């Protein structure tokens, strides 16, 4: 019985650490950003790329993380190139072996977008007013797979 109780306490402690890391991340990233630049590179070609400057906005909501909320995802949206707003869910993940940002569909209805930024992004740089992200897996733009480098500047 003592071993079971000890094991349960350790599990509770470890799960609370994960939530506090998640909470800190949510607080640090939340807010409104301008897409300062976005570079799209075809996955099969290193040299074929295009960069858009001042291409829209990103918003990461500051939400409370709790067990009942879609596995701890917060809500956000992006607007790319004057397209309709695209709602998503986001959180912190270690799925790729490094601490990364996961952007995935949430339960909101979505429209077909020219640029689909759903995926996992590594942090290239994260300073007070700027966030630079690289896609770990390819994303889709007009049914073409591309890698993305995203530079966001906090408003």
Foldseek 3Di string as FASTA:
>chain_A
DVVVVVVVVVVVVVVVVVQVVFLVVLVQPAAKWFFQKKKWAFPVDRPDIDMDGRFWMKGRHNDHADPVPPNRWGKIWIQGNNDDIAIWTWTWDCVVVHTWIATGHDPDDGDDDQWDPGAIWHWPDDDRFKTWTWGPFFTDGPNTTIIMITIIGGD
